[in-house]
Protein backbone atom coordinates (compact mmCIF):
# COMPACT_ATOMS: atom_id res chain seq x y z
CA MET A 1 -1.68 -36.55 -20.92
CA LYS A 2 -1.21 -37.40 -17.25
CA ILE A 3 -0.99 -34.55 -14.70
CA VAL A 4 1.01 -35.32 -11.55
CA ARG A 5 0.74 -33.00 -8.58
CA ALA A 6 3.66 -32.60 -6.17
CA ASP A 7 3.13 -33.76 -2.63
CA ASN A 8 3.62 -30.25 -1.42
CA TYR A 9 2.30 -27.32 -3.37
CA GLY A 10 0.51 -24.07 -2.74
CA PHE A 11 1.05 -21.80 0.21
CA CYS A 12 2.82 -22.69 3.40
CA TYR A 13 0.91 -22.76 6.66
CA GLY A 14 2.00 -19.24 7.67
CA VAL A 15 0.81 -17.71 4.36
CA LYS A 16 -2.53 -19.53 4.43
CA ARG A 17 -3.02 -18.31 8.00
CA ALA A 18 -2.10 -14.73 7.11
CA VAL A 19 -4.45 -14.68 4.08
CA LYS A 20 -7.31 -16.05 6.22
CA ILE A 21 -6.69 -13.46 8.92
CA ALA A 22 -6.59 -10.64 6.34
CA GLN A 23 -9.80 -11.83 4.70
CA GLN A 24 -11.54 -11.90 8.07
CA ALA A 25 -10.27 -8.51 9.30
CA PRO A 26 -12.68 -6.15 7.48
CA LYS A 27 -15.64 -8.15 8.81
CA GLY A 28 -14.83 -7.22 12.36
CA TYR A 29 -14.21 -3.50 11.91
CA ASN A 30 -15.88 -0.53 10.27
CA ASN A 31 -12.71 1.40 9.63
CA ASN A 32 -10.23 1.37 6.76
CA THR A 33 -8.23 -1.83 6.67
CA ALA A 34 -4.81 -2.32 5.06
CA THR A 35 -1.72 -4.45 5.32
CA LEU A 36 1.62 -2.81 6.02
CA GLY A 37 3.49 -3.89 2.91
CA GLU A 38 2.38 -6.80 0.77
CA LEU A 39 0.86 -9.49 3.05
CA VAL A 40 2.59 -12.18 0.98
CA HIS A 41 4.83 -12.40 -2.15
CA ASN A 42 1.93 -13.01 -4.55
CA PRO A 43 0.43 -10.18 -6.62
CA ARG A 44 -2.80 -12.16 -7.25
CA VAL A 45 -3.36 -12.54 -3.49
CA VAL A 46 -2.66 -8.81 -2.88
CA GLU A 47 -5.11 -7.96 -5.69
CA ASN A 48 -7.80 -10.26 -4.36
CA LEU A 49 -7.45 -8.78 -0.89
CA ALA A 50 -7.87 -5.28 -2.35
CA LYS A 51 -11.14 -6.48 -3.90
CA GLN A 52 -12.15 -7.58 -0.38
CA SER A 53 -11.51 -4.10 1.07
CA VAL A 54 -8.02 -4.87 2.36
CA ALA A 55 -5.65 -2.38 0.80
CA CYS A 56 -1.82 -2.52 0.79
CA ALA A 57 -0.16 0.45 2.43
CA GLN A 58 3.59 1.03 2.20
CA SER A 59 4.14 3.05 5.33
CA LEU A 60 2.65 3.76 8.73
CA ASN A 61 2.17 7.33 7.43
CA ASP A 62 -0.61 5.86 5.19
CA PHE A 63 -2.73 5.16 8.27
CA LYS A 64 -4.78 7.42 10.54
CA ALA A 65 -6.06 6.86 14.08
CA GLY A 66 -8.75 4.19 14.15
CA ASP A 67 -7.60 2.43 10.95
CA VAL A 68 -7.00 -1.31 11.02
CA ILE A 69 -3.39 -2.33 10.27
CA ILE A 70 -2.56 -5.92 9.38
CA PHE A 71 1.04 -6.98 9.96
CA ARG A 72 2.16 -9.31 7.20
CA SER A 73 3.32 -12.89 7.54
CA HIS A 74 7.00 -11.77 7.59
CA GLY A 75 6.41 -9.79 10.76
CA GLU A 76 7.57 -6.36 11.90
CA GLY A 77 10.09 -5.09 14.46
CA PRO A 78 9.06 -3.88 17.96
CA ALA A 79 9.36 -0.17 16.97
CA VAL A 80 6.62 -0.72 14.37
CA TYR A 81 4.30 -2.25 16.94
CA GLU A 82 4.98 0.68 19.27
CA GLU A 83 4.42 3.31 16.54
CA ALA A 84 1.17 1.66 15.39
CA LYS A 85 -0.14 1.67 18.93
CA ALA A 86 0.92 5.28 19.45
CA LYS A 87 -0.99 6.28 16.29
CA GLY A 88 -4.15 4.67 17.66
CA LEU A 89 -4.30 1.93 15.07
CA THR A 90 -6.15 -1.34 15.56
CA LEU A 91 -3.52 -4.02 15.13
CA VAL A 92 -4.23 -7.37 13.51
CA ASP A 93 -1.07 -9.49 13.63
CA ALA A 94 -0.75 -12.00 10.77
CA THR A 95 2.88 -12.80 11.49
CA CYS A 96 3.61 -16.48 10.77
CA PRO A 97 4.01 -18.35 14.05
CA HIS A 98 7.34 -19.74 12.88
CA VAL A 99 8.57 -16.19 12.14
CA LYS A 100 7.24 -15.07 15.56
CA LYS A 101 9.26 -17.88 17.19
CA ALA A 102 12.40 -16.78 15.33
CA GLN A 103 11.80 -13.20 16.49
CA GLN A 104 11.31 -14.27 20.10
CA SER A 105 14.41 -16.54 19.98
CA ALA A 106 16.53 -13.67 18.62
CA GLN A 107 15.24 -11.36 21.36
CA GLU A 108 15.82 -13.92 24.04
CA LEU A 109 19.39 -14.65 22.85
CA ALA A 110 20.13 -10.92 22.84
CA ARG A 111 18.74 -10.51 26.38
CA GLU A 112 21.07 -13.37 27.50
CA GLY A 113 23.96 -11.21 26.26
CA ARG A 114 24.69 -13.25 23.17
CA PHE A 115 25.69 -11.73 19.88
CA VAL A 116 22.91 -12.84 17.48
CA ILE A 117 23.72 -14.24 14.05
CA ILE A 118 20.85 -14.46 11.69
CA ILE A 119 21.24 -16.81 8.79
CA GLY A 120 19.21 -15.58 5.85
CA GLU A 121 18.68 -13.11 2.97
CA LYS A 122 19.80 -9.69 4.22
CA HIS A 123 17.06 -7.66 2.55
CA HIS A 124 14.18 -10.06 3.08
CA PRO A 125 11.38 -8.55 5.20
CA GLU A 126 11.32 -11.58 7.50
CA VAL A 127 15.05 -11.26 8.21
CA GLN A 128 14.71 -7.51 8.76
CA SER A 129 11.96 -8.18 11.35
CA ILE A 130 14.08 -10.78 13.16
CA LEU A 131 17.07 -8.37 13.10
CA ALA A 132 14.88 -5.67 14.66
CA TRP A 133 13.89 -7.99 17.52
CA ALA A 134 17.56 -8.99 18.03
CA GLY A 135 18.68 -5.42 18.55
CA PRO A 136 22.01 -3.76 17.86
CA ASN A 137 24.20 -6.73 18.69
CA ALA A 138 23.31 -8.80 15.70
CA ILE A 139 24.30 -9.41 12.14
CA VAL A 140 22.83 -11.13 9.12
CA VAL A 141 24.97 -13.77 7.42
CA GLU A 142 23.80 -14.53 3.88
CA ASN A 143 26.89 -16.08 2.36
CA GLU A 144 30.38 -17.23 3.18
CA GLU A 145 31.90 -13.78 2.74
CA ASP A 146 29.64 -12.49 5.48
CA ILE A 147 31.17 -14.80 8.06
CA ALA A 148 34.32 -12.67 8.07
CA LEU A 149 32.17 -9.73 9.18
CA VAL A 150 31.03 -11.45 12.36
CA PRO A 151 32.85 -9.72 15.26
CA LYS A 152 34.58 -11.77 17.93
CA GLN A 153 32.29 -12.09 20.95
CA ALA A 154 32.17 -14.17 24.12
CA SER A 155 29.09 -16.01 23.06
CA TYR A 156 26.78 -16.25 20.08
CA GLY A 157 23.25 -17.21 19.38
CA VAL A 158 22.13 -18.29 15.89
CA VAL A 159 18.64 -18.09 14.29
CA SER A 160 17.63 -18.59 10.72
CA GLN A 161 15.18 -17.14 8.28
CA THR A 162 12.30 -19.69 8.23
CA THR A 163 12.23 -19.80 4.41
CA PHE A 164 15.99 -19.91 3.90
CA GLU A 165 16.91 -23.04 1.90
CA ALA A 166 19.59 -25.20 3.54
CA SER A 167 20.87 -26.17 0.12
CA SER A 168 21.74 -22.57 -0.68
CA ALA A 169 22.84 -21.55 2.78
CA LEU A 170 26.17 -19.87 2.98
CA ARG A 171 27.04 -20.41 -0.68
CA SER A 172 29.33 -17.80 -2.09
CA SER A 173 27.51 -15.05 -3.91
């Protein structure tokens, strides 16, 4: 039997980076360390991190002052950063640089007065973080039906979920 490996396999750059950051985090601090939500969509990775003293918390309420909070590769909105700081948490940001760029682009477009359209999966954590950075004048478009929900505006700015497949983009659901 011949085994052929694909040219591209395994984790993307952002996930590899996030896992490395999370694995390093407990070494630099003496306090409890946890990710806010699953660091990545992989139960084995989450389980292995737990074995390395990196728990998975579901809410900021699971943290107390001095704890180390790791923001996952999908990122978080600005309000979560502010609340974590207000709680006195040590923040380790493992947001994928590509996601961070999408967040910054959405925020910049909104500051320019554009209505921000985010192409992606509405309930995906990455899209939710981009939407939070875009602010109230934004909408997520996941399929063709959603286009009708985009309000008429003077100008638009468009960003996309970094993991949204072009081949499935805007297909009817």
